[in-house]
């Protein structure tokens, strides 16, 4: 009773909020040439941290999927 399953298509990037996160990261890193792998790593971590500190961005990524996370109701 506490578990609801929903069948999703085998490939549905529009239903995956992570795709929207990566889109934000790619946009921030576009047209950037990195001198070292360390520079790439630092920039990637900075962008992911920026997204993490702005809840409206992560909420927007979830909203874009059209899915909702409803907390379970206690019995």
PDB file of N, CA and C in Angstrom:
ATOM      1  N   UNK A   1       0.804  -1.206   0.000  1.00  0.00           N
ATOM      2  CA  UNK A   1       0.000   0.000   0.000  1.00  0.00           C
ATOM      3  C   UNK A   1       0.843   1.265   0.000  1.00  0.00           C
ATOM      4  N   UNK A   2       2.056   1.180   0.513  1.00  0.00           N
ATOM      5  CA  UNK A   2       2.894   2.373   0.630  1.00  0.00           C
ATOM      6  C   UNK A   2       3.731   2.626  -0.616  1.00  0.00           C
ATOM      7  N   UNK A   3       3.711   1.703  -1.554  1.00  0.00           N
ATOM      8  CA  UNK A   3       4.553   1.825  -2.740  1.00  0.00           C
ATOM      9  C   UNK A   3       3.694   1.922  -3.995  1.00  0.00           C
ATOM     10  N   UNK A   4       3.988   2.940  -4.788  1.00  0.00           N
ATOM     11  CA  UNK A   4       3.314   3.093  -6.064  1.00  0.00           C
ATOM     12  C   UNK A   4       4.358   2.981  -7.161  1.00  0.00           C
ATOM     13  N   UNK A   5       4.127   2.111  -8.116  1.00  0.00           N
ATOM     14  CA  UNK A   5       5.060   1.983  -9.225  1.00  0.00           C
ATOM     15  C   UNK A   5       4.459   2.625 -10.465  1.00  0.00           C
ATOM     16  N   UNK A   6       5.334   3.223 -11.238  1.00  0.00           N
ATOM     17  CA  UNK A   6       4.929   3.859 -12.481  1.00  0.00           C
ATOM     18  C   UNK A   6       5.851   3.348 -13.564  1.00  0.00           C
ATOM     19  N   UNK A   7       5.299   2.798 -14.599  1.00  0.00           N
ATOM     20  CA  UNK A   7       6.118   2.308 -15.714  1.00  0.00           C
ATOM     21  C   UNK A   7       6.491   3.471 -16.616  1.00  0.00           C
ATOM     22  N   UNK A   8       7.779   3.622 -16.843  1.00  0.00           N
ATOM     23  CA  UNK A   8       8.288   4.664 -17.723  1.00  0.00           C
ATOM     24  C   UNK A   8       8.866   4.021 -18.974  1.00  0.00           C
ATOM     25  N   UNK A   9       8.955   4.767 -20.050  1.00  0.00           N
ATOM     26  CA  UNK A   9       9.586   4.225 -21.263  1.00  0.00           C
ATOM     27  C   UNK A   9      11.051   3.881 -20.988  1.00  0.00           C
ATOM     28  N   UNK A  10      11.596   2.974 -21.772  1.00  0.00           N
ATOM     29  CA  UNK A  10      12.979   2.557 -21.549  1.00  0.00           C
ATOM     30  C   UNK A  10      13.970   3.693 -21.773  1.00  0.00           C
ATOM     31  N   UNK A  11      13.661   4.621 -22.650  1.00  0.00           N
ATOM     32  CA  UNK A  11      14.527   5.774 -22.868  1.00  0.00           C
ATOM     33  C   UNK A  11      13.647   7.008 -22.921  1.00  0.00           C
ATOM     34  N   UNK A  12      13.755   7.845 -21.901  1.00  0.00           N
ATOM     35  CA  UNK A  12      12.920   9.046 -21.834  1.00  0.00           C
ATOM     36  C   UNK A  12      13.707  10.176 -21.166  1.00  0.00           C
ATOM     37  N   UNK A  13      14.645  10.798 -21.887  1.00  0.00           N
ATOM     38  CA  UNK A  13      15.452  11.855 -21.272  1.00  0.00           C
ATOM     39  C   UNK A  13      14.610  13.042 -20.809  1.00  0.00           C
ATOM     40  N   UNK A  14      13.459  13.251 -21.429  1.00  0.00           N
ATOM     41  CA  UNK A  14      12.610  14.369 -21.010  1.00  0.00           C
ATOM     42  C   UNK A  14      11.960  14.111 -19.651  1.00  0.00           C
ATOM     43  N   UNK A  15      11.989  12.877 -19.160  1.00  0.00           N
ATOM     44  CA  UNK A  15      11.467  12.552 -17.836  1.00  0.00           C
ATOM     45  C   UNK A  15      12.570  12.431 -16.793  1.00  0.00           C
ATOM     46  N   UNK A  16      13.795  12.737 -17.171  1.00  0.00           N
ATOM     47  CA  UNK A  16      14.934  12.610 -16.269  1.00  0.00           C
ATOM     48  C   UNK A  16      15.443  13.998 -15.887  1.00  0.00           C
ATOM     49  N   UNK A  17      15.262  14.427 -14.626  1.00  0.00           N
ATOM     50  CA  UNK A  17      15.692  15.767 -14.217  1.00  0.00           C
ATOM     51  C   UNK A  17      17.203  15.982 -14.350  1.00  0.00           C
ATOM     52  N   UNK A  18      17.971  14.905 -14.326  1.00  0.00           N
ATOM     53  CA  UNK A  18      19.427  15.041 -14.447  1.00  0.00           C
ATOM     54  C   UNK A  18      19.809  15.600 -15.818  1.00  0.00           C
ATOM     55  N   UNK A  19      19.030  15.286 -16.834  1.00  0.00           N
ATOM     56  CA  UNK A  19      19.306  15.824 -18.168  1.00  0.00           C
ATOM     57  C   UNK A  19      19.254  17.354 -18.157  1.00  0.00           C
ATOM     58  N   UNK A  20      18.314  17.917 -17.410  1.00  0.00           N
ATOM     59  CA  UNK A  20      18.222  19.375 -17.317  1.00  0.00           C
ATOM     60  C   UNK A  20      19.405  19.949 -16.541  1.00  0.00           C
ATOM     61  N   UNK A  21      19.865  19.232 -15.526  1.00  0.00           N
ATOM     62  CA  UNK A  21      21.049  19.685 -14.766  1.00  0.00           C
ATOM     63  C   UNK A  21      22.256  19.729 -15.690  1.00  0.00           C
ATOM     64  N   UNK A  22      22.460  18.661 -16.465  1.00  0.00           N
ATOM     65  CA  UNK A  22      23.604  18.635 -17.377  1.00  0.00           C
ATOM     66  C   UNK A  22      23.486  19.708 -18.456  1.00  0.00           C
ATOM     67  N   UNK A  23      22.283  20.026 -18.834  1.00  0.00           N
ATOM     68  CA  UNK A  23      22.082  21.105 -19.800  1.00  0.00           C
ATOM     69  C   UNK A  23      22.565  22.437 -19.223  1.00  0.00           C
ATOM     70  N   UNK A  24      22.252  22.687 -17.949  1.00  0.00           N
ATOM     71  CA  UNK A  24      22.733  23.910 -17.288  1.00  0.00           C
ATOM     72  C   UNK A  24      24.258  23.934 -17.216  1.00  0.00           C
ATOM     73  N   UNK A  25      24.848  22.795 -16.895  1.00  0.00           N
ATOM     74  CA  UNK A  25      26.312  22.709 -16.793  1.00  0.00           C
ATOM     75  C   UNK A  25      26.949  22.917 -18.157  1.00  0.00           C
ATOM     76  N   UNK A  26      26.417  22.262 -19.171  1.00  0.00           N
ATOM     77  CA  UNK A  26      26.979  22.419 -20.527  1.00  0.00           C
ATOM     78  C   UNK A  26      26.892  23.860 -20.999  1.00  0.00           C
ATOM     79  N   UNK A  27      25.782  24.510 -20.706  1.00  0.00           N
ATOM     80  CA  UNK A  27      25.617  25.902 -21.118  1.00  0.00           C
ATOM     81  C   UNK A  27      26.675  26.793 -20.444  1.00  0.00           C
ATOM     82  N   UNK A  28      26.957  26.534 -19.175  1.00  0.00           N
ATOM     83  CA  UNK A  28      27.938  27.342 -18.442  1.00  0.00           C
ATOM     84  C   UNK A  28      29.362  27.080 -18.931  1.00  0.00           C
ATOM     85  N   UNK A  29      29.600  25.902 -19.488  1.00  0.00           N
ATOM     86  CA  UNK A  29      30.958  25.533 -19.902  1.00  0.00           C
ATOM     87  C   UNK A  29      31.162  25.634 -21.413  1.00  0.00           C
ATOM     88  N   UNK A  30      30.180  26.126 -22.131  1.00  0.00           N
ATOM     89  CA  UNK A  30      30.267  26.201 -23.589  1.00  0.00           C
ATOM     90  C   UNK A  30      31.423  27.102 -24.033  1.00  0.00           C
ATOM     91  N   UNK A  31      32.052  26.710 -25.113  1.00  0.00           N
ATOM     92  CA  UNK A  31      33.137  27.477 -25.722  1.00  0.00           C
ATOM     93  C   UNK A  31      34.290  27.749 -24.766  1.00  0.00           C
ATOM     94  N   UNK A  32      34.573  26.785 -23.913  1.00  0.00           N
ATOM     95  CA  UNK A  32      35.680  26.903 -22.967  1.00  0.00           C
ATOM     96  C   UNK A  32      36.728  25.855 -23.311  1.00  0.00           C
ATOM     97  N   UNK A  33      37.956  26.291 -23.420  1.00  0.00           N
ATOM     98  CA  UNK A  33      39.070  25.371 -23.634  1.00  0.00           C
ATOM     99  C   UNK A  33      39.816  25.242 -22.312  1.00  0.00           C
ATOM    100  N   UNK A  34      39.983  24.031 -21.852  1.00  0.00           N
ATOM    101  CA  UNK A  34      40.654  23.799 -20.582  1.00  0.00           C
ATOM    102  C   UNK A  34      42.088  23.382 -20.839  1.00  0.00           C
ATOM    103  N   UNK A  35      43.001  23.942 -20.053  1.00  0.00           N
ATOM    104  CA  UNK A  35      44.420  23.626 -20.215  1.00  0.00           C
ATOM    105  C   UNK A  35      44.761  22.257 -19.643  1.00  0.00           C
ATOM    106  N   UNK A  36      44.121  21.913 -18.549  1.00  0.00           N
ATOM    107  CA  UNK A  36      44.429  20.640 -17.886  1.00  0.00           C
ATOM    108  C   UNK A  36      43.131  19.970 -17.451  1.00  0.00           C
ATOM    109  N   UNK A  37      43.189  18.670 -17.207  1.00  0.00           N
ATOM    110  CA  UNK A  37      42.014  17.991 -16.657  1.00  0.00           C
ATOM    111  C   UNK A  37      41.593  18.582 -15.304  1.00  0.00           C
ATOM    112  N   UNK A  38      42.569  19.062 -14.552  1.00  0.00           N
ATOM    113  CA  UNK A  38      42.266  19.687 -13.264  1.00  0.00           C
ATOM    114  C   UNK A  38      41.388  20.935 -13.460  1.00  0.00           C
ATOM    115  N   UNK A  39      41.668  21.732 -14.483  1.00  0.00           N
ATOM    116  CA  UNK A  39      40.859  22.917 -14.760  1.00  0.00           C
ATOM    117  C   UNK A  39      39.415  22.525 -15.103  1.00  0.00           C
ATOM    118  N   UNK A  40      39.278  21.488 -15.900  1.00  0.00           N
ATOM    119  CA  UNK A  40      37.948  20.992 -16.250  1.00  0.00           C
ATOM    120  C   UNK A  40      37.216  20.514 -14.998  1.00  0.00           C
ATOM    121  N   UNK A  41      37.892  19.752 -14.175  1.00  0.00           N
ATOM    122  CA  UNK A  41      37.303  19.232 -12.945  1.00  0.00           C
ATOM    123  C   UNK A  41      36.862  20.374 -12.031  1.00  0.00           C
ATOM    124  N   UNK A  42      37.699  21.367 -11.883  1.00  0.00           N
ATOM    125  CA  UNK A  42      37.386  22.505 -11.016  1.00  0.00           C
ATOM    126  C   UNK A  42      36.162  23.263 -11.519  1.00  0.00           C
ATOM    127  N   UNK A  43      36.096  23.504 -12.814  1.00  0.00           N
ATOM    128  CA  UNK A  43      34.962  24.217 -13.392  1.00  0.00           C
ATOM    129  C   UNK A  43      33.671  23.402 -13.262  1.00  0.00           C
ATOM    130  N   UNK A  44      33.764  22.110 -13.519  1.00  0.00           N
ATOM    131  CA  UNK A  44      32.607  21.239 -13.408  1.00  0.00           C
ATOM    132  C   UNK A  44      32.069  21.232 -11.975  1.00  0.00           C
ATOM    133  N   UNK A  45      32.965  21.092 -11.009  1.00  0.00           N
ATOM    134  CA  UNK A  45      32.549  21.103  -9.605  1.00  0.00           C
ATOM    135  C   UNK A  45      31.945  22.448  -9.214  1.00  0.00           C
ATOM    136  N   UNK A  46      32.506  23.524  -9.710  1.00  0.00           N
ATOM    137  CA  UNK A  46      31.996  24.859  -9.408  1.00  0.00           C
ATOM    138  C   UNK A  46      30.576  25.021  -9.943  1.00  0.00           C
ATOM    139  N   UNK A  47      30.340  24.558 -11.161  1.00  0.00           N
ATOM    140  CA  UNK A  47      29.012  24.688 -11.755  1.00  0.00           C
ATOM    141  C   UNK A  47      27.983  23.812 -11.041  1.00  0.00           C
ATOM    142  N   UNK A  48      28.373  22.591 -10.685  1.00  0.00           N
ATOM    143  CA  UNK A  48      27.454  21.728  -9.948  1.00  0.00           C
ATOM    144  C   UNK A  48      27.142  22.308  -8.572  1.00  0.00           C
ATOM    145  N   UNK A  49      28.134  22.892  -7.939  1.00  0.00           N
ATOM    146  CA  UNK A  49      27.926  23.533  -6.634  1.00  0.00           C
ATOM    147  C   UNK A  49      26.996  24.747  -6.780  1.00  0.00           C
ATOM    148  N   UNK A  50      27.172  25.505  -7.844  1.00  0.00           N
ATOM    149  CA  UNK A  50      26.325  26.678  -8.096  1.00  0.00           C
ATOM    150  C   UNK A  50      24.865  26.248  -8.223  1.00  0.00           C
ATOM    151  N   UNK A  51      24.629  25.170  -8.940  1.00  0.00           N
ATOM    152  CA  UNK A  51      23.274  24.654  -9.093  1.00  0.00           C
ATOM    153  C   UNK A  51      22.735  24.162  -7.749  1.00  0.00           C
ATOM    154  N   UNK A  52      23.588  23.476  -7.005  1.00  0.00           N
ATOM    155  CA  UNK A  52      23.180  22.925  -5.714  1.00  0.00           C
ATOM    156  C   UNK A  52      22.756  24.033  -4.743  1.00  0.00           C
ATOM    157  N   UNK A  53      23.429  25.176  -4.793  1.00  0.00           N
ATOM    158  CA  UNK A  53      23.137  26.270  -3.866  1.00  0.00           C
ATOM    159  C   UNK A  53      21.957  27.126  -4.300  1.00  0.00           C
ATOM    160  N   UNK A  54      21.372  26.823  -5.429  1.00  0.00           N
ATOM    161  CA  UNK A  54      20.205  27.564  -5.926  1.00  0.00           C
ATOM    162  C   UNK A  54      19.046  26.588  -6.115  1.00  0.00           C
ATOM    163  N   UNK A  55      18.279  26.391  -5.035  1.00  0.00           N
ATOM    164  CA  UNK A  55      17.205  25.392  -5.089  1.00  0.00           C
ATOM    165  C   UNK A  55      16.196  25.637  -6.211  1.00  0.00           C
ATOM    166  N   UNK A  56      16.008  26.883  -6.621  1.00  0.00           N
ATOM    167  CA  UNK A  56      15.055  27.130  -7.708  1.00  0.00           C
ATOM    168  C   UNK A  56      15.511  26.480  -9.009  1.00  0.00           C
ATOM    169  N   UNK A  57      16.827  26.313  -9.186  1.00  0.00           N
ATOM    170  CA  UNK A  57      17.316  25.641 -10.394  1.00  0.00           C
ATOM    171  C   UNK A  57      16.998  24.154 -10.363  1.00  0.00           C
ATOM    172  N   UNK A  58      17.259  23.515  -9.224  1.00  0.00           N
ATOM    173  CA  UNK A  58      16.952  22.088  -9.139  1.00  0.00           C
ATOM    174  C   UNK A  58      15.446  21.850  -9.171  1.00  0.00           C
ATOM    175  N   UNK A  59      14.679  22.740  -8.546  1.00  0.00           N
ATOM    176  CA  UNK A  59      13.219  22.617  -8.622  1.00  0.00           C
ATOM    177  C   UNK A  59      12.745  22.758 -10.066  1.00  0.00           C
ATOM    178  N   UNK A  60      13.362  23.669 -10.802  1.00  0.00           N
ATOM    179  CA  UNK A  60      12.999  23.858 -12.208  1.00  0.00           C
ATOM    180  C   UNK A  60      13.318  22.640 -13.050  1.00  0.00           C
ATOM    181  N   UNK A  61      14.430  21.975 -12.736  1.00  0.00           N
ATOM    182  CA  UNK A  61      14.789  20.761 -13.471  1.00  0.00           C
ATOM    183  C   UNK A  61      13.748  19.667 -13.239  1.00  0.00           C
ATOM    184  N   UNK A  62      13.241  19.563 -12.022  1.00  0.00           N
ATOM    185  CA  UNK A  62      12.204  18.574 -11.733  1.00  0.00           C
ATOM    186  C   UNK A  62      10.883  18.984 -12.370  1.00  0.00           C
ATOM    187  N   UNK A  63      10.551  20.258 -12.283  1.00  0.00           N
ATOM    188  CA  UNK A  63       9.297  20.751 -12.851  1.00  0.00           C
ATOM    189  C   UNK A  63       9.252  20.529 -14.361  1.00  0.00           C
ATOM    190  N   UNK A  64      10.388  20.668 -15.018  1.00  0.00           N
ATOM    191  CA  UNK A  64      10.447  20.503 -16.471  1.00  0.00           C
ATOM    192  C   UNK A  64      10.053  19.093 -16.905  1.00  0.00           C
ATOM    193  N   UNK A  65      10.193  18.125 -16.027  1.00  0.00           N
ATOM    194  CA  UNK A  65       9.824  16.754 -16.373  1.00  0.00           C
ATOM    195  C   UNK A  65       8.320  16.541 -16.328  1.00  0.00           C
ATOM    196  N   UNK A  66       7.604  17.397 -15.609  1.00  0.00           N
ATOM    197  CA  UNK A  66       6.171  17.203 -15.439  1.00  0.00           C
ATOM    198  C   UNK A  66       5.844  16.188 -14.363  1.00  0.00           C
ATOM    199  N   UNK A  67       6.882  15.660 -13.698  1.00  0.00           N
ATOM    200  CA  UNK A  67       6.680  14.697 -12.620  1.00  0.00           C
ATOM    201  C   UNK A  67       6.631  15.433 -11.289  1.00  0.00           C
ATOM    202  N   UNK A  68       6.043  14.841 -10.294  1.00  0.00           N
ATOM    203  CA  UNK A  68       5.972  15.445  -8.965  1.00  0.00           C
ATOM    204  C   UNK A  68       6.429  14.435  -7.924  1.00  0.00           C
ATOM    205  N   UNK A  69       7.100  14.943  -6.929  1.00  0.00           N
ATOM    206  CA  UNK A  69       7.492  14.096  -5.804  1.00  0.00           C
ATOM    207  C   UNK A  69       6.541  14.417  -4.675  1.00  0.00           C
ATOM    208  N   UNK A  70       5.691  13.485  -4.366  1.00  0.00           N
ATOM    209  CA  UNK A  70       4.752  13.656  -3.274  1.00  0.00           C
ATOM    210  C   UNK A  70       5.233  12.837  -2.090  1.00  0.00           C
ATOM    211  N   UNK A  71       5.462  13.489  -0.936  1.00  0.00           N
ATOM    212  CA  UNK A  71       5.898  12.706   0.217  1.00  0.00           C
ATOM    213  C   UNK A  71       4.805  11.734   0.643  1.00  0.00           C
ATOM    214  N   UNK A  72       5.209  10.578   1.122  1.00  0.00           N
ATOM    215  CA  UNK A  72       4.206   9.597   1.537  1.00  0.00           C
ATOM    216  C   UNK A  72       3.417  10.113   2.738  1.00  0.00           C
ATOM    217  N   UNK A  73       2.162   9.752   2.797  1.00  0.00           N
ATOM    218  CA  UNK A  73       1.347  10.130   3.941  1.00  0.00           C
ATOM    219  C   UNK A  73       1.485   9.056   5.007  1.00  0.00           C
ATOM    220  N   UNK A  74       1.676   9.475   6.238  1.00  0.00           N
ATOM    221  CA  UNK A  74       1.835   8.473   7.296  1.00  0.00           C
ATOM    222  C   UNK A  74       0.539   7.679   7.509  1.00  0.00           C
ATOM    223  N   UNK A  75       0.667   6.423   7.901  1.00  0.00           N
ATOM    224  CA  UNK A  75      -0.525   5.573   8.089  1.00  0.00           C
ATOM    225  C   UNK A  75      -1.377   6.021   9.251  1.00  0.00           C
TER     226      UNK A  75
END
